[in-house]
Amino acid sequence: MAIVKLKINGKAYESDVDPEMPLLWYLREEIELVGTKYGCGIAQCGACTVHMNGTAVRSCVLPVSSADGAEITTIEGLSEKGDHPLQKAWDELDVPQCGYCQAGQIMTAASLLKDNPKPSLEDIELAMGNNICRCGTYHRIREAVKLAAEKMN
C-alpha cells in the first residue's frame, strides 16, 4: 500500500491504496466517479480516457502511483453543468447510441480541441481514430467534434 495524492476535477484526494491499482479503478471504486468506463483493459478502445495534467491518457493501464501528484479531469469534471461545447454538440447531433464509449470519445476530442482549436477533418480522424465505438457512430462523432470546434471559435 502507498499514499497517493491526486487532484481530481479540482478536488484534492489522498488515499492509501495499492500503487499498481489502475487509475480507472481508483476513480470508479475509491471515489465513485463512474463516468469513465472500462472497455478493454489494454488501452486499445479509449472508453477509459481521462486527462492527466491536461493530456488524454488511458486510465485502465495507468497505475495510480504514476498519477501521484497529478491533476486528473474526468468526464464529470469537463464542465460543471454538462454544458461543454462538445457535450452540447453530442446532444445536438444525437451522437450516442448505447453511449458506452462516449465519455472517452468526448475526453479525447476535448484534448484535441485544446491543442488544435480549428482541426481539419483529417486532424479529427487522426485524433479520434484510436477510440472504438461499438455502435459505429463515427460519422456523428466527427461531425460533433467539428461543430464543437466551430462553436468554440
N, C-alpha and C. Protein backbone atom coordinates (compact mmCIF):
# COMPACT_ATOMS: atom_id res chain seq x y z
N MET A 1 0.85 -1.18 0.00
CA MET A 1 0.00 0.00 0.00
C MET A 1 0.89 1.25 0.00
N ALA A 2 0.35 2.32 -0.57
CA ALA A 2 1.10 3.57 -0.66
C ALA A 2 0.12 4.73 -0.60
N ILE A 3 0.60 5.83 -0.08
CA ILE A 3 -0.21 7.05 -0.05
C ILE A 3 -0.09 7.71 -1.42
N VAL A 4 -1.24 7.96 -2.03
CA VAL A 4 -1.29 8.61 -3.34
C VAL A 4 -2.11 9.89 -3.18
N LYS A 5 -1.54 10.98 -3.70
CA LYS A 5 -2.23 12.27 -3.66
C LYS A 5 -2.55 12.69 -5.09
N LEU A 6 -3.82 12.97 -5.32
CA LEU A 6 -4.29 13.38 -6.64
C LEU A 6 -5.23 14.56 -6.51
N LYS A 7 -5.28 15.37 -7.54
CA LYS A 7 -6.30 16.41 -7.64
C LYS A 7 -7.20 15.99 -8.78
N ILE A 8 -8.43 15.65 -8.45
CA ILE A 8 -9.36 15.13 -9.45
C ILE A 8 -10.55 16.08 -9.56
N ASN A 9 -10.74 16.59 -10.76
CA ASN A 9 -11.82 17.55 -11.03
C ASN A 9 -11.79 18.71 -10.05
N GLY A 10 -10.57 19.14 -9.70
CA GLY A 10 -10.39 20.29 -8.82
C GLY A 10 -10.42 19.99 -7.34
N LYS A 11 -10.64 18.76 -6.96
CA LYS A 11 -10.73 18.38 -5.55
C LYS A 11 -9.54 17.49 -5.17
N ALA A 12 -8.94 17.77 -4.02
CA ALA A 12 -7.77 17.01 -3.57
C ALA A 12 -8.19 15.70 -2.91
N TYR A 13 -7.47 14.64 -3.25
CA TYR A 13 -7.70 13.31 -2.67
C TYR A 13 -6.37 12.76 -2.20
N GLU A 14 -6.41 12.07 -1.07
CA GLU A 14 -5.23 11.38 -0.54
C GLU A 14 -5.71 10.02 -0.04
N SER A 15 -5.11 8.97 -0.60
CA SER A 15 -5.58 7.62 -0.28
C SER A 15 -4.41 6.68 -0.09
N ASP A 16 -4.61 5.69 0.76
CA ASP A 16 -3.65 4.61 0.95
C ASP A 16 -4.16 3.43 0.13
N VAL A 17 -3.55 3.22 -1.04
CA VAL A 17 -4.03 2.20 -1.98
C VAL A 17 -2.87 1.40 -2.54
N ASP A 18 -3.21 0.31 -3.17
CA ASP A 18 -2.22 -0.48 -3.90
C ASP A 18 -1.67 0.41 -5.02
N PRO A 19 -0.37 0.65 -5.05
CA PRO A 19 0.19 1.56 -6.06
C PRO A 19 0.02 1.06 -7.49
N GLU A 20 -0.23 -0.23 -7.67
CA GLU A 20 -0.41 -0.79 -9.02
C GLU A 20 -1.87 -0.77 -9.47
N MET A 21 -2.78 -0.35 -8.60
CA MET A 21 -4.18 -0.26 -8.98
C MET A 21 -4.30 0.68 -10.18
N PRO A 22 -5.00 0.26 -11.24
CA PRO A 22 -5.19 1.18 -12.36
C PRO A 22 -5.98 2.42 -11.92
N LEU A 23 -5.60 3.55 -12.48
CA LEU A 23 -6.29 4.80 -12.17
C LEU A 23 -7.80 4.66 -12.39
N LEU A 24 -8.19 3.92 -13.42
CA LEU A 24 -9.61 3.72 -13.69
C LEU A 24 -10.34 3.15 -12.47
N TRP A 25 -9.77 2.14 -11.86
CA TRP A 25 -10.43 1.52 -10.70
C TRP A 25 -10.40 2.45 -9.51
N TYR A 26 -9.34 3.24 -9.37
CA TYR A 26 -9.31 4.23 -8.30
C TYR A 26 -10.48 5.21 -8.48
N LEU A 27 -10.64 5.71 -9.70
CA LEU A 27 -11.72 6.66 -9.97
C LEU A 27 -13.09 6.05 -9.70
N ARG A 28 -13.30 4.85 -10.20
CA ARG A 28 -14.61 4.22 -10.12
C ARG A 28 -14.91 3.65 -8.74
N GLU A 29 -13.95 2.95 -8.16
CA GLU A 29 -14.19 2.21 -6.91
C GLU A 29 -13.89 3.02 -5.65
N GLU A 30 -12.81 3.78 -5.68
CA GLU A 30 -12.41 4.50 -4.47
C GLU A 30 -13.15 5.82 -4.28
N ILE A 31 -13.35 6.57 -5.37
CA ILE A 31 -14.02 7.86 -5.21
C ILE A 31 -15.35 7.95 -5.94
N GLU A 32 -15.79 6.84 -6.52
CA GLU A 32 -17.12 6.68 -7.09
C GLU A 32 -17.45 7.66 -8.22
N LEU A 33 -16.46 7.94 -9.06
CA LEU A 33 -16.70 8.68 -10.29
C LEU A 33 -16.81 7.64 -11.40
N VAL A 34 -18.03 7.33 -11.79
CA VAL A 34 -18.27 6.19 -12.68
C VAL A 34 -18.52 6.58 -14.14
N GLY A 35 -18.32 7.84 -14.48
CA GLY A 35 -18.50 8.25 -15.86
C GLY A 35 -17.44 7.67 -16.78
N THR A 36 -16.25 7.46 -16.27
CA THR A 36 -15.17 6.86 -17.04
C THR A 36 -15.41 5.36 -17.06
N LYS A 37 -15.40 4.77 -18.25
CA LYS A 37 -15.81 3.37 -18.41
C LYS A 37 -14.62 2.44 -18.64
N TYR A 38 -14.84 1.18 -18.26
CA TYR A 38 -13.91 0.10 -18.58
C TYR A 38 -14.37 -0.48 -19.91
N GLY A 39 -13.45 -0.57 -20.86
CA GLY A 39 -13.81 -1.15 -22.15
C GLY A 39 -13.03 -2.41 -22.42
N CYS A 40 -11.72 -2.27 -22.58
CA CYS A 40 -10.91 -3.42 -22.99
C CYS A 40 -9.87 -3.82 -21.95
N GLY A 41 -9.43 -2.89 -21.13
CA GLY A 41 -8.41 -3.18 -20.13
C GLY A 41 -6.98 -3.21 -20.65
N ILE A 42 -6.80 -2.91 -21.96
CA ILE A 42 -5.46 -2.92 -22.53
C ILE A 42 -5.16 -1.63 -23.32
N ALA A 43 -5.86 -0.57 -23.01
CA ALA A 43 -5.62 0.77 -23.58
C ALA A 43 -5.81 0.82 -25.10
N GLN A 44 -6.71 0.01 -25.62
CA GLN A 44 -6.92 -0.03 -27.06
C GLN A 44 -8.21 0.62 -27.52
N CYS A 45 -9.22 0.74 -26.64
CA CYS A 45 -10.52 1.20 -27.10
C CYS A 45 -10.83 2.66 -26.79
N GLY A 46 -10.24 3.23 -25.75
CA GLY A 46 -10.45 4.63 -25.41
C GLY A 46 -11.59 4.93 -24.47
N ALA A 47 -12.38 3.95 -24.07
CA ALA A 47 -13.52 4.20 -23.18
C ALA A 47 -13.07 4.80 -21.84
N CYS A 48 -11.85 4.51 -21.44
CA CYS A 48 -11.34 4.92 -20.12
C CYS A 48 -10.56 6.23 -20.17
N THR A 49 -10.63 6.98 -21.25
CA THR A 49 -9.81 8.18 -21.41
C THR A 49 -10.18 9.26 -20.41
N VAL A 50 -9.16 9.79 -19.75
CA VAL A 50 -9.25 10.94 -18.86
C VAL A 50 -8.10 11.86 -19.22
N HIS A 51 -8.07 13.03 -18.62
CA HIS A 51 -6.94 13.94 -18.82
C HIS A 51 -6.06 13.91 -17.57
N MET A 52 -4.76 13.77 -17.78
CA MET A 52 -3.79 13.87 -16.69
C MET A 52 -2.89 15.04 -17.02
N ASN A 53 -2.93 16.05 -16.16
CA ASN A 53 -2.19 17.29 -16.40
C ASN A 53 -2.47 17.83 -17.80
N GLY A 54 -3.73 17.72 -18.22
CA GLY A 54 -4.17 18.28 -19.49
C GLY A 54 -3.99 17.41 -20.71
N THR A 55 -3.43 16.22 -20.55
CA THR A 55 -3.19 15.33 -21.68
C THR A 55 -4.08 14.10 -21.56
N ALA A 56 -4.67 13.68 -22.68
CA ALA A 56 -5.52 12.49 -22.69
C ALA A 56 -4.67 11.25 -22.43
N VAL A 57 -5.12 10.42 -21.46
CA VAL A 57 -4.44 9.16 -21.13
C VAL A 57 -5.48 8.07 -20.96
N ARG A 58 -5.04 6.85 -21.11
CA ARG A 58 -5.91 5.68 -20.92
C ARG A 58 -5.76 5.21 -19.47
N SER A 59 -6.79 5.39 -18.70
CA SER A 59 -6.71 5.13 -17.26
C SER A 59 -6.76 3.66 -16.89
N CYS A 60 -7.13 2.78 -17.81
CA CYS A 60 -7.24 1.36 -17.47
C CYS A 60 -5.88 0.69 -17.29
N VAL A 61 -4.82 1.28 -17.84
CA VAL A 61 -3.49 0.67 -17.72
C VAL A 61 -2.52 1.56 -16.95
N LEU A 62 -2.95 2.71 -16.52
CA LEU A 62 -2.08 3.64 -15.81
C LEU A 62 -2.14 3.37 -14.32
N PRO A 63 -1.04 2.89 -13.72
CA PRO A 63 -1.06 2.66 -12.27
C PRO A 63 -1.32 3.98 -11.55
N VAL A 64 -2.13 3.93 -10.52
CA VAL A 64 -2.47 5.14 -9.78
C VAL A 64 -1.21 5.81 -9.24
N SER A 65 -0.18 5.01 -8.93
CA SER A 65 1.07 5.59 -8.43
C SER A 65 1.74 6.47 -9.48
N SER A 66 1.53 6.19 -10.76
CA SER A 66 2.08 7.01 -11.84
C SER A 66 1.39 8.35 -11.95
N ALA A 67 0.21 8.45 -11.37
CA ALA A 67 -0.55 9.69 -11.40
C ALA A 67 -0.38 10.50 -10.11
N ASP A 68 0.41 9.99 -9.18
CA ASP A 68 0.62 10.67 -7.90
C ASP A 68 1.04 12.12 -8.13
N GLY A 69 0.32 13.04 -7.53
CA GLY A 69 0.62 14.46 -7.65
C GLY A 69 0.02 15.12 -8.87
N ALA A 70 -0.62 14.36 -9.72
CA ALA A 70 -1.16 14.89 -10.98
C ALA A 70 -2.54 15.51 -10.80
N GLU A 71 -2.91 16.31 -11.78
CA GLU A 71 -4.28 16.83 -11.88
C GLU A 71 -5.00 15.98 -12.90
N ILE A 72 -6.08 15.38 -12.47
CA ILE A 72 -6.88 14.49 -13.30
C ILE A 72 -8.22 15.15 -13.58
N THR A 73 -8.66 15.09 -14.83
CA THR A 73 -10.01 15.55 -15.19
C THR A 73 -10.73 14.37 -15.81
N THR A 74 -11.91 14.08 -15.28
CA THR A 74 -12.76 13.03 -15.82
C THR A 74 -13.92 13.70 -16.56
N ILE A 75 -14.76 12.91 -17.17
CA ILE A 75 -15.93 13.45 -17.87
C ILE A 75 -16.79 14.27 -16.91
N GLU A 76 -16.83 13.88 -15.64
CA GLU A 76 -17.63 14.63 -14.66
C GLU A 76 -17.05 16.01 -14.41
N GLY A 77 -15.76 16.18 -14.63
CA GLY A 77 -15.10 17.45 -14.38
C GLY A 77 -14.90 18.31 -15.62
N LEU A 78 -15.33 17.82 -16.78
CA LEU A 78 -15.14 18.59 -18.01
C LEU A 78 -15.89 19.91 -17.96
N SER A 79 -17.10 19.88 -17.41
CA SER A 79 -17.86 21.11 -17.18
C SER A 79 -18.81 20.87 -16.02
N GLU A 80 -19.06 21.92 -15.27
CA GLU A 80 -19.89 21.79 -14.07
C GLU A 80 -21.31 21.33 -14.37
N LYS A 81 -21.88 21.85 -15.46
CA LYS A 81 -23.28 21.59 -15.75
C LYS A 81 -23.49 20.72 -16.98
N GLY A 82 -22.43 20.07 -17.45
CA GLY A 82 -22.56 19.26 -18.65
C GLY A 82 -22.79 20.09 -19.89
N ASP A 83 -22.27 21.33 -19.88
CA ASP A 83 -22.53 22.23 -20.99
C ASP A 83 -21.27 22.60 -21.79
N HIS A 84 -20.27 21.75 -21.72
CA HIS A 84 -19.09 21.95 -22.55
C HIS A 84 -19.55 21.91 -24.00
N PRO A 85 -18.94 22.70 -24.89
CA PRO A 85 -19.37 22.69 -26.30
C PRO A 85 -19.40 21.29 -26.93
N LEU A 86 -18.50 20.41 -26.52
CA LEU A 86 -18.55 19.04 -27.04
C LEU A 86 -19.79 18.31 -26.55
N GLN A 87 -20.11 18.46 -25.28
CA GLN A 87 -21.30 17.81 -24.74
C GLN A 87 -22.56 18.34 -25.42
N LYS A 88 -22.59 19.64 -25.67
CA LYS A 88 -23.74 20.23 -26.35
C LYS A 88 -23.83 19.74 -27.80
N ALA A 89 -22.68 19.65 -28.47
CA ALA A 89 -22.68 19.15 -29.86
C ALA A 89 -23.11 17.69 -29.90
N TRP A 90 -22.66 16.90 -28.92
CA TRP A 90 -23.06 15.49 -28.85
C TRP A 90 -24.58 15.40 -28.77
N ASP A 91 -25.18 16.25 -27.92
CA ASP A 91 -26.64 16.25 -27.78
C ASP A 91 -27.32 16.74 -29.06
N GLU A 92 -26.82 17.83 -29.59
CA GLU A 92 -27.43 18.43 -30.77
C GLU A 92 -27.46 17.48 -31.96
N LEU A 93 -26.38 16.72 -32.14
CA LEU A 93 -26.30 15.80 -33.29
C LEU A 93 -26.70 14.38 -32.93
N ASP A 94 -27.20 14.19 -31.72
CA ASP A 94 -27.68 12.87 -31.30
C ASP A 94 -26.64 11.78 -31.56
N VAL A 95 -25.41 12.03 -31.07
CA VAL A 95 -24.28 11.14 -31.36
C VAL A 95 -24.44 9.75 -30.75
N PRO A 96 -24.71 9.62 -29.46
CA PRO A 96 -24.63 8.28 -28.88
C PRO A 96 -25.78 7.36 -29.28
N GLN A 97 -25.45 6.10 -29.38
CA GLN A 97 -26.48 5.07 -29.45
C GLN A 97 -26.51 4.42 -28.08
N CYS A 98 -25.58 3.52 -27.81
CA CYS A 98 -25.57 2.92 -26.47
C CYS A 98 -24.93 3.86 -25.46
N GLY A 99 -24.00 4.71 -25.93
CA GLY A 99 -23.37 5.71 -25.07
C GLY A 99 -22.17 5.23 -24.31
N TYR A 100 -21.85 3.95 -24.37
CA TYR A 100 -20.79 3.41 -23.53
C TYR A 100 -19.44 4.07 -23.76
N CYS A 101 -19.08 4.32 -24.98
CA CYS A 101 -17.76 4.88 -25.31
C CYS A 101 -17.72 6.39 -25.25
N GLN A 102 -18.86 7.03 -25.09
CA GLN A 102 -18.95 8.46 -25.33
C GLN A 102 -18.11 9.32 -24.39
N ALA A 103 -17.97 8.95 -23.12
CA ALA A 103 -17.13 9.75 -22.22
C ALA A 103 -15.70 9.77 -22.72
N GLY A 104 -15.20 8.62 -23.12
CA GLY A 104 -13.84 8.55 -23.66
C GLY A 104 -13.71 9.30 -24.97
N GLN A 105 -14.73 9.21 -25.82
CA GLN A 105 -14.71 9.95 -27.08
C GLN A 105 -14.65 11.46 -26.81
N ILE A 106 -15.49 11.93 -25.90
CA ILE A 106 -15.54 13.36 -25.59
C ILE A 106 -14.24 13.82 -24.96
N MET A 107 -13.67 13.04 -24.06
CA MET A 107 -12.40 13.44 -23.42
C MET A 107 -11.27 13.48 -24.44
N THR A 108 -11.27 12.55 -25.39
CA THR A 108 -10.26 12.58 -26.45
C THR A 108 -10.45 13.82 -27.32
N ALA A 109 -11.68 14.10 -27.68
CA ALA A 109 -11.99 15.27 -28.51
C ALA A 109 -11.63 16.57 -27.78
N ALA A 110 -11.88 16.63 -26.48
CA ALA A 110 -11.54 17.83 -25.70
C ALA A 110 -10.04 18.08 -25.72
N SER A 111 -9.26 17.01 -25.63
CA SER A 111 -7.81 17.15 -25.70
C SER A 111 -7.39 17.67 -27.08
N LEU A 112 -8.00 17.14 -28.13
CA LEU A 112 -7.72 17.61 -29.48
C LEU A 112 -8.00 19.10 -29.60
N LEU A 113 -9.19 19.54 -29.17
CA LEU A 113 -9.59 20.93 -29.35
C LEU A 113 -8.77 21.88 -28.49
N LYS A 114 -8.25 21.38 -27.38
CA LYS A 114 -7.36 22.21 -26.54
C LYS A 114 -6.07 22.49 -27.30
N ASP A 115 -5.55 21.46 -27.95
CA ASP A 115 -4.28 21.59 -28.68
C ASP A 115 -4.45 22.16 -30.09
N ASN A 116 -5.62 21.94 -30.68
CA ASN A 116 -5.87 22.35 -32.06
C ASN A 116 -7.31 22.85 -32.16
N PRO A 117 -7.53 24.14 -31.87
CA PRO A 117 -8.90 24.66 -31.83
C PRO A 117 -9.62 24.69 -33.18
N LYS A 118 -8.88 24.56 -34.28
CA LYS A 118 -9.51 24.58 -35.61
C LYS A 118 -9.04 23.36 -36.40
N PRO A 119 -9.43 22.17 -35.96
CA PRO A 119 -8.94 20.97 -36.64
C PRO A 119 -9.62 20.75 -37.99
N SER A 120 -8.85 20.20 -38.91
CA SER A 120 -9.42 19.76 -40.18
C SER A 120 -10.10 18.42 -39.94
N LEU A 121 -10.86 17.94 -40.91
CA LEU A 121 -11.47 16.62 -40.78
C LEU A 121 -10.39 15.54 -40.64
N GLU A 122 -9.27 15.75 -41.33
CA GLU A 122 -8.16 14.81 -41.21
C GLU A 122 -7.59 14.82 -39.79
N ASP A 123 -7.47 16.01 -39.19
CA ASP A 123 -6.99 16.11 -37.81
C ASP A 123 -7.93 15.37 -36.86
N ILE A 124 -9.22 15.55 -37.08
CA ILE A 124 -10.22 14.89 -36.23
C ILE A 124 -10.12 13.38 -36.39
N GLU A 125 -10.04 12.93 -37.64
CA GLU A 125 -9.90 11.48 -37.90
C GLU A 125 -8.68 10.90 -37.19
N LEU A 126 -7.56 11.61 -37.29
CA LEU A 126 -6.31 11.14 -36.70
C LEU A 126 -6.42 11.09 -35.17
N ALA A 127 -6.96 12.13 -34.58
CA ALA A 127 -7.07 12.19 -33.11
C ALA A 127 -8.05 11.18 -32.56
N MET A 128 -9.15 10.97 -33.27
CA MET A 128 -10.22 10.11 -32.76
C MET A 128 -10.07 8.66 -33.22
N GLY A 129 -9.13 8.39 -34.09
CA GLY A 129 -9.00 7.09 -34.72
C GLY A 129 -8.73 5.92 -33.80
N ASN A 130 -8.20 6.17 -32.63
CA ASN A 130 -7.91 5.08 -31.70
C ASN A 130 -9.00 4.88 -30.66
N ASN A 131 -10.12 5.55 -30.82
CA ASN A 131 -11.27 5.34 -29.95
C ASN A 131 -12.29 4.49 -30.68
N ILE A 132 -12.69 3.41 -30.06
CA ILE A 132 -13.63 2.48 -30.69
C ILE A 132 -15.05 2.77 -30.23
N CYS A 133 -15.95 2.82 -31.19
CA CYS A 133 -17.38 2.95 -30.92
C CYS A 133 -18.04 1.65 -31.37
N ARG A 134 -18.55 0.91 -30.43
CA ARG A 134 -19.17 -0.39 -30.75
C ARG A 134 -20.38 -0.24 -31.66
N CYS A 135 -21.03 0.91 -31.58
CA CYS A 135 -22.24 1.12 -32.39
C CYS A 135 -21.93 1.73 -33.75
N GLY A 136 -20.70 2.15 -33.96
CA GLY A 136 -20.31 2.68 -35.27
C GLY A 136 -20.80 4.09 -35.56
N THR A 137 -20.89 4.94 -34.57
CA THR A 137 -21.38 6.30 -34.79
C THR A 137 -20.25 7.26 -35.18
N TYR A 138 -19.26 6.75 -35.85
CA TYR A 138 -18.06 7.54 -36.18
C TYR A 138 -18.39 8.81 -36.96
N HIS A 139 -19.30 8.75 -37.91
CA HIS A 139 -19.65 9.93 -38.69
C HIS A 139 -20.22 11.02 -37.78
N ARG A 140 -21.12 10.65 -36.89
CA ARG A 140 -21.72 11.64 -35.98
C ARG A 140 -20.68 12.17 -34.99
N ILE A 141 -19.76 11.32 -34.56
CA ILE A 141 -18.69 11.77 -33.66
C ILE A 141 -17.85 12.83 -34.37
N ARG A 142 -17.42 12.55 -35.59
CA ARG A 142 -16.63 13.53 -36.36
C ARG A 142 -17.39 14.84 -36.52
N GLU A 143 -18.66 14.74 -36.87
CA GLU A 143 -19.46 15.95 -37.07
C GLU A 143 -19.62 16.74 -35.77
N ALA A 144 -19.75 16.05 -34.65
CA ALA A 144 -19.90 16.73 -33.37
C ALA A 144 -18.61 17.44 -32.97
N VAL A 145 -17.48 16.82 -33.22
CA VAL A 145 -16.19 17.46 -32.93
C VAL A 145 -16.04 18.71 -33.79
N LYS A 146 -16.39 18.58 -35.06
CA LYS A 146 -16.33 19.73 -35.99
C LYS A 146 -17.26 20.85 -35.52
N LEU A 147 -18.49 20.50 -35.15
CA LEU A 147 -19.46 21.51 -34.67
C LEU A 147 -18.96 22.18 -33.40
N ALA A 148 -18.44 21.41 -32.46
CA ALA A 148 -17.94 21.99 -31.21
C ALA A 148 -16.79 22.94 -31.49
N ALA A 149 -15.89 22.56 -32.39
CA ALA A 149 -14.77 23.43 -32.75
C ALA A 149 -15.28 24.75 -33.31
N GLU A 150 -16.28 24.68 -34.18
CA GLU A 150 -16.85 25.89 -34.77
C GLU A 150 -17.47 26.78 -33.69
N LYS A 151 -18.19 26.17 -32.75
CA LYS A 151 -18.84 26.94 -31.69
C LYS A 151 -17.84 27.54 -30.71
N MET A 152 -16.71 26.86 -30.53
CA MET A 152 -15.70 27.36 -29.61
C MET A 152 -14.89 28.50 -30.21
N ASN A 153 -14.90 28.63 -31.53
CA ASN A 153 -14.11 29.68 -32.20
C ASN A 153 -14.98 30.83 -32.52
